[in-house]
Amino acid sequence: MRKSILLGASLLAMSSTSFAIAQAQNAQNQAQNTYQNSCSNIGFAFVSNAPALRATCRKSDNTFNTSTLPLNGISNNNATLSQGSGPSTFQTTCGNIQILVDGPVTTLSAICLNKDQSAQPASLSLNGISNNNGNLRK
């Protein structure tokens, strides 16, 4: 009986480990962006009072186009940036908003107010962004 409990616990631990590894690999794959390989001047911008990612991107004819990608559905929940749907609202309670690029990972970074109105650093990974002939796409 004791051996079967230990065996069951070992199988559960191995299964949990495999699941965690698969989730980590899936998250890493989702985080892969490609636009940074052919775009420069990457940063944050307001376009018609809405938050956006802005970059200058190479087109197939080797000319460049300044493109923006709206950052929709992002909110500040107690100094934690989260992705949802609809218009973004984080910009009303966050400042020092920046786009940080580290290899294929792009991060939206800001200083946001929590429920006690204290300023706290917050960030959110922006995933699946590409350059489609000079235009940013998600």
Protein backbone atom coordinates (compact mmCIF):
# COMPACT_ATOMS: atom_id res chain seq x y z
CA MET A 1 0.00 0.00 0.00
CA ARG A 2 2.80 2.41 0.99
CA LYS A 3 4.70 1.67 -2.25
CA SER A 4 1.64 2.39 -4.40
CA ILE A 5 1.09 5.72 -2.59
CA LEU A 6 4.74 6.67 -3.13
CA LEU A 7 4.55 5.57 -6.77
CA GLY A 8 1.36 7.59 -7.25
CA ALA A 9 2.97 10.65 -5.64
CA SER A 10 6.06 10.24 -7.85
CA LEU A 11 3.94 9.98 -11.00
CA LEU A 12 1.93 13.04 -9.96
CA ALA A 13 5.14 15.00 -9.33
CA MET A 14 6.56 13.98 -12.74
CA SER A 15 3.30 14.86 -14.45
CA SER A 16 3.19 18.24 -12.70
CA THR A 17 6.81 18.93 -13.69
CA SER A 18 6.12 18.03 -17.34
CA PHE A 19 3.05 20.27 -17.34
CA ALA A 20 5.04 23.17 -15.83
CA ILE A 21 7.80 22.76 -18.43
CA ALA A 22 5.23 22.70 -21.25
CA GLN A 23 3.57 25.84 -19.86
CA ALA A 24 6.93 27.62 -19.62
CA GLN A 25 7.80 26.68 -23.20
CA ASN A 26 4.37 27.84 -24.38
CA ALA A 27 4.78 31.16 -22.57
CA GLN A 28 8.24 31.59 -24.08
CA ASN A 29 6.86 30.90 -27.58
CA GLN A 30 4.04 33.42 -27.05
CA ALA A 31 6.58 36.03 -25.96
CA GLN A 32 8.45 35.78 -29.25
CA ASN A 33 8.26 38.97 -31.26
CA THR A 34 9.94 39.47 -34.63
CA TYR A 35 9.35 43.16 -35.40
CA GLN A 36 12.47 44.30 -33.51
CA ASN A 37 14.65 42.62 -36.15
CA SER A 38 13.51 45.08 -38.85
CA CYS A 39 12.22 48.08 -36.85
CA SER A 40 14.02 50.87 -34.97
CA ASN A 41 13.08 53.91 -32.88
CA ILE A 42 10.77 51.62 -30.87
CA GLY A 43 8.86 53.40 -28.14
CA PHE A 44 5.61 54.43 -26.51
CA ALA A 45 3.31 57.06 -28.02
CA PHE A 46 -0.18 58.48 -27.68
CA VAL A 47 -2.17 58.35 -30.91
CA SER A 48 -5.46 60.27 -30.66
CA ASN A 49 -5.13 60.09 -26.85
CA ALA A 50 -4.83 56.29 -26.97
CA PRO A 51 -1.66 54.38 -25.95
CA ALA A 52 0.34 52.77 -28.74
CA LEU A 53 3.64 51.12 -29.62
CA ARG A 54 5.45 53.18 -32.27
CA ALA A 55 8.36 52.09 -34.47
CA THR A 56 10.03 52.85 -37.77
CA CYS A 57 9.88 49.62 -39.78
CA ARG A 58 11.56 48.43 -42.97
CA LYS A 59 9.31 47.62 -45.92
CA SER A 60 10.02 44.94 -48.54
CA ASP A 61 11.41 47.61 -50.92
CA ASN A 62 13.95 48.63 -48.20
CA THR A 63 12.25 51.95 -47.48
CA PHE A 64 10.98 52.77 -43.99
CA ASN A 65 7.56 53.48 -42.57
CA THR A 66 6.64 54.85 -39.15
CA SER A 67 3.94 52.58 -37.78
CA THR A 68 1.87 52.42 -34.61
CA LEU A 69 0.14 49.50 -32.93
CA PRO A 70 -2.67 50.39 -30.51
CA LEU A 71 -2.21 48.96 -27.02
CA ASN A 72 -5.81 47.92 -26.37
CA GLY A 73 -7.36 46.37 -23.28
CA ILE A 74 -4.60 47.15 -20.78
CA SER A 75 -5.64 48.21 -17.29
CA ASN A 76 -3.98 49.06 -13.98
CA ASN A 77 -5.28 46.84 -11.18
CA ASN A 78 -3.65 47.94 -7.92
CA ALA A 79 -0.29 48.68 -9.62
CA THR A 80 -0.45 45.50 -11.71
CA LEU A 81 -0.83 45.88 -15.47
CA SER A 82 -3.16 43.30 -16.99
CA GLN A 83 -4.41 42.51 -20.48
CA GLY A 84 -8.13 42.37 -21.14
CA SER A 85 -10.42 43.71 -23.83
CA GLY A 86 -11.82 47.08 -24.81
CA PRO A 87 -10.02 50.41 -24.58
CA SER A 88 -6.95 50.72 -22.39
CA THR A 89 -7.31 52.63 -19.14
CA PHE A 90 -3.89 52.15 -17.51
CA GLN A 91 -2.62 55.49 -18.83
CA THR A 92 -4.98 57.39 -16.49
CA THR A 93 -3.25 56.04 -13.36
CA CYS A 94 0.26 55.34 -14.66
CA GLY A 95 3.16 57.57 -15.66
CA ASN A 96 6.71 57.22 -16.98
CA ILE A 97 5.30 54.79 -19.56
CA GLN A 98 7.99 53.07 -21.62
CA ILE A 99 8.45 50.26 -24.11
CA LEU A 100 11.48 48.10 -23.29
CA VAL A 101 12.92 45.64 -25.84
CA ASP A 102 15.26 42.84 -24.82
CA GLY A 103 15.81 40.47 -27.73
CA PRO A 104 12.44 39.03 -28.75
CA VAL A 105 10.72 40.20 -25.53
CA THR A 106 8.90 43.53 -25.48
CA THR A 107 7.69 44.92 -22.15
CA LEU A 108 5.35 47.78 -21.36
CA SER A 109 6.77 49.41 -18.23
CA ALA A 110 5.24 52.16 -16.08
CA ILE A 111 4.95 53.63 -12.61
CA CYS A 112 1.35 53.05 -11.51
CA LEU A 113 -0.80 54.01 -8.55
CA ASN A 114 -2.03 51.25 -6.26
CA LYS A 115 -5.27 51.35 -4.25
CA ASP A 116 -3.52 53.43 -1.54
CA GLN A 117 -2.41 55.94 -4.21
CA SER A 118 1.25 54.92 -3.80
CA ALA A 119 3.36 54.81 -6.96
CA GLN A 120 4.71 51.34 -7.79
CA PRO A 121 6.61 49.94 -10.79
CA ALA A 122 4.48 47.76 -13.07
CA SER A 123 5.09 45.90 -16.31
CA LEU A 124 3.38 43.71 -18.88
CA SER A 125 4.86 41.56 -21.66
CA LEU A 126 3.63 42.42 -25.14
CA ASN A 127 3.59 39.28 -27.27
CA GLY A 128 3.24 38.28 -30.91
CA ILE A 129 4.20 41.55 -32.59
CA SER A 130 5.55 41.47 -36.14
CA ASN A 131 6.50 43.78 -38.99
CA ASN A 132 4.26 43.24 -42.02
CA ASN A 133 5.85 45.23 -44.86
CA GLY A 134 6.50 48.29 -42.69
CA ASN A 135 3.40 47.97 -40.51
CA LEU A 136 3.28 46.69 -36.95
CA ARG A 137 0.84 43.80 -36.53
CA LYS A 138 -0.26 41.60 -33.66
